[in-house]
Amino acid sequence: MTVRLKTLLAGGALIACVALVWTLASVGASSVRANEPIVPNAPVGVKQAIAAAEAQGGAAEDATFSDENGGRWEINVKPAQGGEAAVVLVDPNNGKVVGRKPGLGVLAAAGVTAPDAAPKVSAGDLAKAVALAEERVHGTAIEARIDHDGAQPAHVVSVSTLDGRKDVRVTARGEVVPE
């Protein structure tokens, strides 16, 4: 092989490697966004985790995924018959409740204490809000909570879609509004 041919082949290989690295970097950058929770490709999603937590007694107020202890769903549950709010821990691989820890409760954390000050959205409707949000923006919910900051309290559901993360507000009347 001549020196010229070796040089051309080496140059072509270098260009191909650079193109491959650039392509892989572009794909990685678009599929993982900064500060977005990483939810594993586990069989148990947020809707199933909420159902498992509510089966322990009470109504879910918010649901988040935590990377602690190998990853788990943390569902803040308001007790049905008074008592202390709790965070119910759900295994994302099998949907089983793996623990509980004391929780302040979303309503108390927001400063809502009097019964007449309670929002029009209820903690028990969180699973319905998740389903409506997923349907509206065609994705998978990765987080859900009650939001008291807006003019009208609503559920806010973060949904992972092909276009990235989208936050969706679901009002007490079931109106779905992307943020």
Protein backbone atom coordinates (compact mmCIF):
# COMPACT_ATOMS: atom_id res chain seq x y z
CA MET A 1 0.00 0.00 0.00
CA THR A 2 1.28 3.42 -0.83
CA VAL A 3 1.79 6.17 1.71
CA ARG A 4 -0.86 8.28 0.00
CA LEU A 5 -3.48 5.52 0.26
CA LYS A 6 -2.63 4.90 3.96
CA THR A 7 -3.01 8.62 4.66
CA LEU A 8 -6.39 8.76 2.92
CA LEU A 9 -7.66 5.70 4.83
CA ALA A 10 -6.45 7.09 8.16
CA GLY A 11 -8.11 10.45 7.43
CA GLY A 12 -11.39 8.75 6.50
CA ALA A 13 -11.31 6.66 9.68
CA LEU A 14 -10.68 9.79 11.75
CA ILE A 15 -13.64 11.59 10.14
CA ALA A 16 -15.88 8.55 10.75
CA CYS A 17 -14.86 8.43 14.44
CA VAL A 18 -15.52 12.14 14.92
CA ALA A 19 -18.93 11.80 13.26
CA LEU A 20 -19.81 8.83 15.49
CA VAL A 21 -18.78 10.64 18.68
CA TRP A 22 -20.73 13.75 17.65
CA THR A 23 -23.85 11.67 16.90
CA LEU A 24 -23.68 9.83 20.23
CA ALA A 25 -23.17 13.09 22.12
CA SER A 26 -26.18 14.65 20.36
CA VAL A 27 -28.44 11.72 21.18
CA GLY A 28 -27.31 11.69 24.81
CA ALA A 29 -27.84 15.42 25.20
CA SER A 30 -31.38 15.28 23.88
CA SER A 31 -32.49 12.28 25.92
CA VAL A 32 -31.15 13.33 29.34
CA ARG A 33 -31.85 16.84 30.51
CA ALA A 34 -30.18 18.59 33.42
CA ASN A 35 -32.04 18.58 36.76
CA GLU A 36 -34.67 16.13 35.50
CA PRO A 37 -35.32 13.15 37.76
CA ILE A 38 -34.16 9.87 36.32
CA VAL A 39 -36.97 7.34 36.51
CA PRO A 40 -35.83 3.82 35.75
CA ASN A 41 -37.46 1.68 33.09
CA ALA A 42 -39.20 -0.19 35.88
CA PRO A 43 -42.52 -1.95 35.48
CA VAL A 44 -44.20 0.16 38.19
CA GLY A 45 -45.06 3.72 37.20
CA VAL A 46 -46.38 6.59 39.27
CA LYS A 47 -50.05 5.58 38.87
CA GLN A 48 -49.40 2.09 40.25
CA ALA A 49 -47.25 3.52 43.07
CA ILE A 50 -50.06 5.90 44.06
CA ALA A 51 -52.54 3.00 44.11
CA ALA A 52 -50.23 0.92 46.32
CA ALA A 53 -49.73 3.82 48.74
CA GLU A 54 -53.45 4.65 48.92
CA ALA A 55 -54.22 0.97 49.63
CA GLN A 56 -52.41 1.52 52.95
CA GLY A 57 -55.18 3.95 53.92
CA GLY A 58 -55.46 7.58 52.90
CA ALA A 59 -55.20 9.74 49.81
CA ALA A 60 -52.03 10.60 47.90
CA GLU A 61 -51.06 14.28 47.88
CA ASP A 62 -47.87 14.03 45.85
CA ALA A 63 -45.62 11.45 44.25
CA THR A 64 -41.94 11.69 43.40
CA PHE A 65 -39.17 9.31 42.46
CA SER A 66 -36.14 9.25 44.75
CA ASP A 67 -32.76 7.85 43.83
CA GLU A 68 -32.10 6.98 47.49
CA ASN A 69 -31.59 3.32 48.42
CA GLY A 70 -31.44 2.14 44.83
CA GLY A 71 -34.51 4.11 43.75
CA ARG A 72 -38.10 4.15 44.98
CA TRP A 73 -41.37 6.02 44.67
CA GLU A 74 -42.16 8.32 47.61
CA ILE A 75 -45.88 8.99 47.96
CA ASN A 76 -47.03 11.58 50.51
CA VAL A 77 -50.31 10.25 51.92
CA LYS A 78 -52.94 12.17 53.87
CA PRO A 79 -54.68 9.75 56.28
CA ALA A 80 -58.37 9.04 55.64
CA GLN A 81 -59.40 9.17 59.32
CA GLY A 82 -57.17 11.86 60.81
CA GLY A 83 -53.80 10.97 62.24
CA GLU A 84 -50.35 11.77 60.94
CA ALA A 85 -49.48 12.18 57.29
CA ALA A 86 -46.84 9.75 56.07
CA VAL A 87 -44.53 9.18 53.15
CA VAL A 88 -45.16 5.70 51.78
CA LEU A 89 -42.18 4.11 50.01
CA VAL A 90 -42.97 1.92 47.00
CA ASP A 91 -40.57 -0.39 45.16
CA PRO A 92 -40.49 0.59 41.44
CA ASN A 93 -39.78 -3.01 40.38
CA ASN A 94 -42.69 -4.83 42.02
CA GLY A 95 -45.09 -2.14 43.35
CA LYS A 96 -44.87 -3.34 46.95
CA VAL A 97 -44.81 -0.94 49.87
CA VAL A 98 -41.32 -1.18 51.37
CA GLY A 99 -41.66 1.32 54.18
CA ARG A 100 -43.18 4.44 55.70
CA LYS A 101 -41.72 7.53 57.24
CA PRO A 102 -43.36 10.50 58.93
CA GLY A 103 -44.50 13.21 56.53
CA LEU A 104 -45.74 16.73 57.05
CA GLY A 105 -48.27 16.55 54.27
CA VAL A 106 -48.48 18.86 51.29
CA LEU A 107 -51.45 20.82 52.64
CA ALA A 108 -49.76 21.50 55.98
CA ALA A 109 -46.48 22.40 54.23
CA ALA A 110 -48.40 24.93 52.13
CA GLY A 111 -49.89 26.45 55.28
CA VAL A 112 -53.46 25.20 54.68
CA THR A 113 -54.80 24.25 58.11
CA ALA A 114 -58.44 25.29 58.46
CA PRO A 115 -61.06 23.03 56.82
CA ASP A 116 -62.65 26.00 54.99
CA ALA A 117 -59.24 26.92 53.54
CA ALA A 118 -58.80 23.55 51.84
CA PRO A 119 -58.28 23.70 48.07
CA LYS A 120 -60.91 22.60 45.58
CA VAL A 121 -58.61 19.85 44.33
CA SER A 122 -58.45 16.84 46.60
CA ALA A 123 -55.60 14.56 47.42
CA GLY A 124 -57.64 11.53 46.38
CA ASP A 125 -57.84 12.79 42.79
CA LEU A 126 -54.09 12.65 42.18
CA ALA A 127 -54.23 9.36 40.24
CA LYS A 128 -57.01 10.74 38.00
CA ALA A 129 -54.97 13.89 37.35
CA VAL A 130 -51.96 11.76 36.39
CA ALA A 131 -54.06 9.76 33.90
CA LEU A 132 -55.52 12.94 32.34
CA ALA A 133 -52.09 14.57 32.00
CA GLU A 134 -50.51 11.48 30.42
CA GLU A 135 -53.35 11.24 27.92
CA ARG A 136 -53.19 14.94 27.03
CA VAL A 137 -49.46 15.18 26.27
CA HIS A 138 -48.85 11.53 25.29
CA GLY A 139 -46.20 10.59 27.79
CA THR A 140 -45.42 8.96 31.12
CA ALA A 141 -45.85 10.79 34.42
CA ILE A 142 -42.69 11.06 36.49
CA GLU A 143 -43.93 13.32 39.29
CA ALA A 144 -47.23 14.71 40.60
CA ARG A 145 -48.25 17.16 43.32
CA ILE A 146 -50.92 19.60 44.47
CA ASP A 147 -49.98 23.19 43.63
CA HIS A 148 -51.29 25.99 45.86
CA ASP A 149 -49.29 28.81 44.27
CA GLY A 150 -51.60 29.63 41.36
CA ALA A 151 -54.83 31.59 41.36
CA GLN A 152 -56.68 28.28 41.44
CA PRO A 153 -55.18 25.27 43.23
CA ALA A 154 -54.57 22.38 40.85
CA HIS A 155 -52.67 19.16 40.44
CA VAL A 156 -49.37 19.61 38.60
CA VAL A 157 -48.08 16.53 36.81
CA SER A 158 -44.62 16.32 35.24
CA VAL A 159 -44.74 14.10 32.17
CA SER A 160 -41.82 12.70 30.21
CA THR A 161 -42.53 12.86 26.46
CA LEU A 162 -40.53 12.36 23.28
CA ASP A 163 -40.10 16.17 23.23
CA GLY A 164 -38.79 16.29 26.82
CA ARG A 165 -40.38 17.01 30.15
CA LYS A 166 -43.73 18.83 30.24
CA ASP A 167 -45.56 20.13 33.31
CA VAL A 168 -49.35 19.89 33.09
CA ARG A 169 -51.93 21.54 35.40
CA VAL A 170 -55.16 19.64 36.04
CA THR A 171 -57.91 21.70 37.68
CA ALA A 172 -60.62 20.45 40.05
CA ARG A 173 -63.00 20.29 37.06
CA GLY A 174 -60.60 18.04 35.13
CA GLU A 175 -59.40 20.78 32.78
CA VAL A 176 -55.93 19.98 31.50
CA VAL A 177 -53.63 22.94 30.82
CA PRO A 178 -49.98 22.47 29.75
CA GLU A 179 -47.73 24.98 31.56
